[in-house]
Amino acid sequence: MLDFRIDTFLSVVKWMNFTKAAEELCITQPAVSQHIKYLETAYQTKFFSYEGKKLRLTKAGQVFYETVSVMQQDAQRLKEMMHQTQPTTHLKFGATLTIGEYILPKKIEQLLKNYPNAKITMLVENTTMLLEKLTQGALDFVVLEGNFPKQEYDYTKYSQEKYICVASANYPFQRPIQKIEDLIVEPLIVREKGSGTRDIFERNLANDNLQLKDFKQVLEVGNIQAIKQLVQQQVGLTTIYEVAVREELASGNMQVVPLSDLKEMHDFYLVWRKNSVFSADYRKLAEMIC
């Protein structure tokens, strides 16, 4: 069991405010201050500093937070395991939209065969939201299609998928398309900010010294099914993982738009908190649902 003052520290980090932390924990503000002072004395360092009126974590405070937040998450999971009256498992994980809608549903059957008594909670969101939930301890692990700060997490490769540009089968192109730059005269449909799919496309644009603002028209849509419908209705073009449009390509409702400078292959990752004691379990899960 972790020192109860760790909960106080984590609450202060959550709110970056001693008063709000006190309200959340139902204790007084002086008690919050005493708990933080005790921890700082025990570790002989300062965890917080002020920049004007804003409370900030010091470098030592950040290191302490990254360590104890993982410990607390592991301790909570261990506590749940100890209180189970039968051999059950509660898996709380997240997946980005492409993975959650087109890849994992087919894999969960295998997961349930290995964990017949498992309770599964799966959150489908964009990369930014999932990493926030993971850091907060709301999720045990996440499966991502986008880029993430690898130095801040532990991870293992989950799969590799093809990333392509698509249009409707009879799309009326303004001019021949060979490179990403040729798309700027066409309406472009993209995912919302924070999406791994969008991040990958913007990185491809940056390689060609381009930005979304260079395009004639950009439509932002946060739903893959809606994007596919819009593409088929000739509203615009989009870049997407091939796994999400295989049926449309096979039926002839969509076509691949070859782009010589679009990086096609991208890795998907299963990601969890750095230095978790359950790392071996997460690696085993990744192998199980591949």
Foldseek 3Di string as FASTA:
>chain_A
DDDPLVLLLVLCVVVVDLCRSCVVVVHDSVVSVVSQVVVCVVVVHHQWDDDDNGIDGDPVVVVVLLVVLLVVLLVVLVVVCVPDPDPEEEAFEEEEDCCVPQAQVVLVVLVCVVGVRYHYHYHYHAQVVRVVCQSNSVHAWYKYQADDDPVQWDKDFQFKFWKFKKAFLPADQPDQAAAPVSQQAWEEEEEDPRHRQRVLVQVLQVVVVHHPVSHPHYHYDHDPVVVVVCRLVNVTMYMDTCSSCVVCVVVRRMDTRHHPSRDTMTTMMIIHRPPRPCVVVSVVVSVSRD
